[in-house]
Amino acid sequence: MPNQVIFNGTDLSQHVMVRPHRPIMPPITVVSQAVGGRHGEVFKRARMDAYEIPVEMWLRTEDREMVANLRHTLAALLWTEEPAPLYLPDDPDRYHLAVVSGITDLGAVVNGLPGCMVNFKVCDPIAYGAAHSVSLRNNYATDITVGGTWESRPTITTTLSGGTWRITNVTTAEYVEVNSESFGAALSAGGVLVCDMENERVTIGGTTAGVAVASDFFSIEGTTKLRVTGSSSTTVEWRERWL
C-alpha cells in the first residue's frame, strides 16, 4: 500500500491517509569556544539532537458521526507511554522509535476529509533497518557485512563448550570475555550465554555474568571480522542503523 503508515505494530492506513514531512538529517548542535587571541572559535564537538517528524493525516471518512468514532479509535492507536516503531510511506523499509507529542487538533478539510498534523517525537535520531543474523564457527574468523550507514550493536547467543568464552572484533581488536573468575564459577558446557552489546550485559542461563576486566562491549559496521572461542554454536543478530 503506497500510503501505508504503521505505528506500534498497527497499520493505520485503513483509518488515515498521510503525508510526512522530514528533514534530510537530524538537527545538529555544534559546541565551540572562543579562545583569547585567536580569530573565530575552536570546535569542541557536534551531536545529533532529538527532533519531531510532522505527519499530516486525513481521516478516511466524510460522515460526521463516523469522524467522532474514528477520532477515538485513532487516539487509542496513537497513544503509547514509550517510543514505538514508526514506519512511514516515504521510507517503508526503515523505522524510527517515536512517540506522539503535542497538539493533534482536527483542522483543514481536504477533498471533504478532515485532517490534522500529528507530531512524532524521535529521541533516538538513528533509524532502524533490516534485521540480520549469521552463525560463527568456533575459533574461526568470519567476515560479516553489517549494512546501513551507522554502527550497529549486535546480540550474540552462544552455546558454551566449557572453559573461557570470548567474542572478538578482529577488525578493531575489541573483545568481550567471560571466564570462571569473572563468572564466579566454572563455565559448563551446554550453558546458553547471551551477550547484549547494546545494553552492555552478559547472561548465562538468564543470570547476569561478570566480564573480564579488559572486556569492551563493541559495535560493528561496514565489513567486520568476528571470532568466537569457547562455543559449540554461536549466532550473531543485529539491525541495520541508518542516519
Protein backbone atom coordinates (compact mmCIF):
# COMPACT_ATOMS: atom_id res chain seq x y z
CA MET A 1 0.00 0.00 0.00
CA PRO A 2 1.73 3.24 -1.16
CA ASN A 3 0.27 5.33 1.67
CA GLN A 4 0.93 2.77 4.39
CA VAL A 5 1.75 4.02 7.89
CA ILE A 6 2.47 1.55 10.70
CA PHE A 7 2.83 2.62 14.32
CA ASN A 8 3.44 0.37 17.31
CA GLY A 9 2.72 -2.70 15.20
CA THR A 10 -0.66 -1.46 13.87
CA ASP A 11 -1.36 -0.50 10.26
CA LEU A 12 -3.19 2.85 10.42
CA SER A 13 -3.73 3.03 6.66
CA GLN A 14 -7.33 1.82 6.86
CA HIS A 15 -8.10 4.84 9.04
CA VAL A 16 -5.96 7.66 7.60
CA MET A 17 -4.06 8.94 4.60
CA VAL A 18 -0.76 10.60 5.45
CA ARG A 19 1.91 12.96 4.18
CA PRO A 20 5.08 13.04 6.31
CA HIS A 21 7.49 15.98 6.46
CA ARG A 22 11.05 15.10 7.38
CA PRO A 23 14.46 16.71 7.34
CA ILE A 24 17.38 15.22 5.41
CA MET A 25 19.07 14.51 8.74
CA PRO A 26 18.50 15.19 12.45
CA PRO A 27 19.31 18.67 13.80
CA ILE A 28 22.94 19.12 14.76
CA THR A 29 24.24 21.06 17.75
CA VAL A 30 27.83 22.26 17.38
CA VAL A 31 29.72 23.20 20.53
CA SER A 32 32.64 25.60 20.07
CA GLN A 33 34.53 28.00 22.25
CA ALA A 34 36.15 31.36 21.73
CA VAL A 35 39.81 31.47 22.70
CA GLY A 36 41.51 34.74 23.55
CA GLY A 37 43.93 36.00 20.94
CA ARG A 38 42.50 33.86 18.13
CA HIS A 39 40.00 34.60 15.39
CA GLY A 40 36.79 32.63 15.35
CA GLU A 41 36.22 29.73 17.71
CA VAL A 42 37.71 26.33 18.45
CA PHE A 43 35.48 23.38 17.55
CA LYS A 44 34.83 21.07 20.52
CA ARG A 45 32.15 18.61 19.45
CA ALA A 46 28.97 18.06 17.43
CA ARG A 47 25.99 15.92 18.34
CA MET A 48 22.64 14.99 16.85
CA ASP A 49 19.55 16.13 18.72
CA ALA A 50 16.11 14.64 19.21
CA TYR A 51 13.55 16.03 16.77
CA GLU A 52 9.96 15.75 15.55
CA ILE A 53 8.53 14.29 12.35
CA PRO A 54 5.31 16.16 11.49
CA VAL A 55 2.82 13.89 9.69
CA GLU A 56 -0.30 15.29 8.06
CA MET A 57 -3.20 12.87 8.49
CA TRP A 58 -6.62 12.84 6.84
CA LEU A 59 -9.37 10.63 8.27
CA ARG A 60 -10.82 8.23 5.72
CA THR A 61 -14.45 9.32 6.14
CA GLU A 62 -16.73 12.23 5.31
CA ASP A 63 -19.53 11.17 7.65
CA ARG A 64 -19.73 13.40 10.74
CA GLU A 65 -20.78 10.56 13.08
CA MET A 66 -18.06 8.27 11.74
CA VAL A 67 -15.49 11.05 12.28
CA ALA A 68 -16.24 11.03 16.00
CA ASN A 69 -15.84 7.25 16.25
CA LEU A 70 -12.71 7.23 14.11
CA ARG A 71 -11.18 10.02 16.18
CA HIS A 72 -11.47 7.89 19.34
CA THR A 73 -10.15 4.79 17.54
CA LEU A 74 -7.18 6.68 16.19
CA ALA A 75 -6.40 8.27 19.56
CA ALA A 76 -6.20 4.82 21.17
CA LEU A 77 -3.90 3.56 18.41
CA LEU A 78 -1.57 6.58 18.62
CA TRP A 79 -1.25 6.60 22.40
CA THR A 80 1.81 4.92 23.88
CA GLU A 81 3.79 5.61 27.04
CA GLU A 82 7.07 4.56 25.41
CA PRO A 83 8.57 5.15 21.94
CA ALA A 84 7.36 2.59 19.42
CA PRO A 85 8.35 1.70 15.82
CA LEU A 86 7.01 4.16 13.23
CA TYR A 87 7.05 3.21 9.54
CA LEU A 88 6.08 5.93 7.05
CA PRO A 89 5.35 5.61 3.31
CA ASP A 90 8.30 7.76 2.20
CA ASP A 91 10.74 5.22 3.72
CA PRO A 92 8.81 1.94 4.15
CA ASP A 93 11.80 -0.32 4.90
CA ARG A 94 13.14 1.63 7.89
CA TYR A 95 11.59 2.81 11.12
CA HIS A 96 12.18 5.27 13.94
CA LEU A 97 11.29 4.79 17.58
CA ALA A 98 8.77 7.56 18.14
CA VAL A 99 6.01 8.81 20.43
CA VAL A 100 3.20 11.27 19.64
CA SER A 101 3.93 14.71 21.05
CA GLY A 102 1.93 17.93 21.32
CA ILE A 103 -1.43 19.03 19.89
CA THR A 104 -3.47 17.00 17.36
CA ASP A 105 -6.39 19.31 16.65
CA LEU A 106 -8.55 18.40 13.64
CA GLY A 107 -8.38 21.35 11.27
CA ALA A 108 -8.21 21.63 7.47
CA VAL A 109 -10.66 19.68 5.29
CA VAL A 110 -9.15 18.33 2.06
CA ASN A 111 -11.43 16.70 -0.53
CA GLY A 112 -14.08 16.53 2.18
CA LEU A 113 -11.82 14.65 4.60
CA PRO A 114 -10.97 16.21 7.99
CA GLY A 115 -7.26 16.38 8.71
CA CYS A 116 -4.70 17.27 11.36
CA MET A 117 -0.98 17.40 11.96
CA VAL A 118 0.43 14.70 14.24
CA ASN A 119 3.96 15.28 15.55
CA PHE A 120 6.04 12.20 16.33
CA LYS A 121 8.91 12.86 18.74
CA VAL A 122 12.05 10.93 17.82
CA CYS A 123 14.52 10.75 20.70
CA ASP A 124 16.87 8.26 19.01
CA PRO A 125 17.84 10.05 15.78
CA ILE A 126 19.26 6.95 14.05
CA ALA A 127 16.73 4.88 12.07
CA TYR A 128 16.44 1.08 12.22
CA GLY A 129 16.55 -1.09 9.09
CA ALA A 130 16.62 -4.75 8.16
CA ALA A 131 17.40 -7.46 10.72
CA HIS A 132 20.29 -9.86 10.04
CA SER A 133 21.87 -12.89 11.65
CA VAL A 134 24.93 -15.03 10.97
CA SER A 135 26.39 -18.16 12.53
CA LEU A 136 30.01 -18.25 13.70
CA ARG A 137 32.30 -21.29 13.82
CA ASN A 138 34.37 -21.69 16.94
CA ASN A 139 37.86 -20.16 16.69
CA TYR A 140 37.34 -19.13 13.07
CA ALA A 141 37.41 -15.50 11.86
CA THR A 142 34.24 -14.70 9.89
CA ASP A 143 33.66 -11.63 7.74
CA ILE A 144 30.19 -10.09 8.03
CA THR A 145 28.67 -7.18 6.09
CA VAL A 146 26.68 -5.06 8.50
CA GLY A 147 24.77 -2.75 6.11
CA GLY A 148 23.30 0.66 6.88
CA THR A 149 25.16 3.95 7.29
CA TRP A 150 25.74 3.79 11.05
CA GLU A 151 27.24 1.34 13.52
CA SER A 152 25.10 -1.47 14.95
CA ARG A 153 25.20 -3.13 18.38
CA PRO A 154 24.74 -6.90 17.98
CA THR A 155 23.38 -9.59 20.28
CA ILE A 156 25.38 -12.80 20.45
CA THR A 157 23.78 -16.08 21.58
CA THR A 158 26.19 -18.92 22.31
CA THR A 159 26.00 -22.48 23.50
CA LEU A 160 29.11 -22.85 25.64
CA SER A 161 31.63 -25.63 25.11
CA GLY A 162 33.18 -25.13 28.55
CA GLY A 163 36.11 -23.03 29.74
CA THR A 164 36.69 -19.38 28.83
CA TRP A 165 34.34 -17.74 26.33
CA ARG A 166 35.33 -14.78 24.17
CA ILE A 167 33.87 -12.85 21.22
CA THR A 168 36.44 -10.70 19.40
CA ASN A 169 36.01 -7.93 16.85
CA VAL A 170 39.14 -8.81 14.92
CA THR A 171 38.85 -5.60 12.90
CA THR A 172 39.24 -3.38 15.98
CA ALA A 173 40.80 -5.86 18.47
CA GLU A 174 37.95 -5.20 20.95
CA TYR A 175 36.55 -8.21 22.77
CA VAL A 176 34.19 -9.40 25.50
CA GLU A 177 35.35 -12.32 27.64
CA VAL A 178 33.71 -14.38 30.37
CA ASN A 179 35.78 -16.80 32.39
CA SER A 180 35.43 -18.73 35.63
CA GLU A 181 36.88 -15.86 37.65
CA SER A 182 34.54 -13.18 36.25
CA PHE A 183 31.53 -15.51 36.43
CA GLY A 184 32.38 -16.80 39.89
CA ALA A 185 32.08 -20.45 38.83
CA ALA A 186 33.18 -22.77 36.07
CA LEU A 187 31.50 -22.25 32.68
CA SER A 188 29.72 -25.51 32.00
CA ALA A 189 29.39 -26.97 28.51
CA GLY A 190 25.85 -26.66 27.18
CA GLY A 191 25.03 -23.43 29.02
CA VAL A 192 23.43 -20.65 26.97
CA LEU A 193 25.27 -17.32 27.07
CA VAL A 194 23.73 -14.12 25.69
CA CYS A 195 25.93 -11.07 25.12
CA ASP A 196 23.90 -7.88 24.55
CA MET A 197 26.25 -5.23 23.17
CA GLU A 198 23.54 -2.53 23.17
CA ASN A 199 22.85 -2.83 26.90
CA GLU A 200 26.39 -3.98 27.76
CA ARG A 201 25.17 -7.08 29.56
CA VAL A 202 26.04 -10.77 29.53
CA THR A 203 23.83 -13.52 30.93
CA ILE A 204 24.36 -17.26 31.30
CA GLY A 205 21.18 -19.24 31.71
CA GLY A 206 19.40 -15.95 32.41
CA THR A 207 21.77 -14.99 35.26
CA THR A 208 23.91 -11.87 34.85
CA ALA A 209 27.56 -12.76 34.37
CA GLY A 210 30.55 -10.54 35.02
CA VAL A 211 33.05 -9.99 32.22
CA ALA A 212 36.84 -9.96 32.31
CA VAL A 213 38.39 -6.62 33.26
CA ALA A 214 39.79 -5.82 29.81
CA SER A 215 36.46 -6.53 28.07
CA ASP A 216 34.98 -3.79 25.88
CA PHE A 217 31.43 -4.05 24.53
CA PHE A 218 31.72 -3.12 20.87
CA SER A 219 29.74 -2.08 17.81
CA ILE A 220 30.01 -3.39 14.26
CA GLU A 221 29.90 -1.51 10.96
CA GLY A 222 30.85 -1.93 7.32
CA THR A 223 32.71 -5.20 6.78
CA THR A 224 33.67 -6.58 10.19
CA LYS A 225 35.60 -9.73 11.09
CA LEU A 226 34.41 -11.62 14.20
CA ARG A 227 35.87 -14.60 16.05
CA VAL A 228 34.34 -16.60 18.90
CA THR A 229 36.05 -19.12 21.17
CA GLY A 230 34.62 -21.41 23.86
CA SER A 231 31.48 -22.07 21.85
CA SER A 232 29.79 -25.10 20.31
CA SER A 233 27.39 -22.84 18.37
CA THR A 234 27.02 -19.07 18.07
CA THR A 235 24.51 -16.76 16.39
CA VAL A 236 25.09 -13.03 15.92
CA GLU A 237 22.00 -10.87 15.38
CA TRP A 238 21.74 -7.15 14.59
CA ARG A 239 19.67 -4.49 12.84
CA GLU A 240 20.97 -2.08 10.27
CA ARG A 241 21.14 1.50 11.51
CA TRP A 242 20.61 4.42 9.14
CA LEU A 243 21.41 8.10 9.60
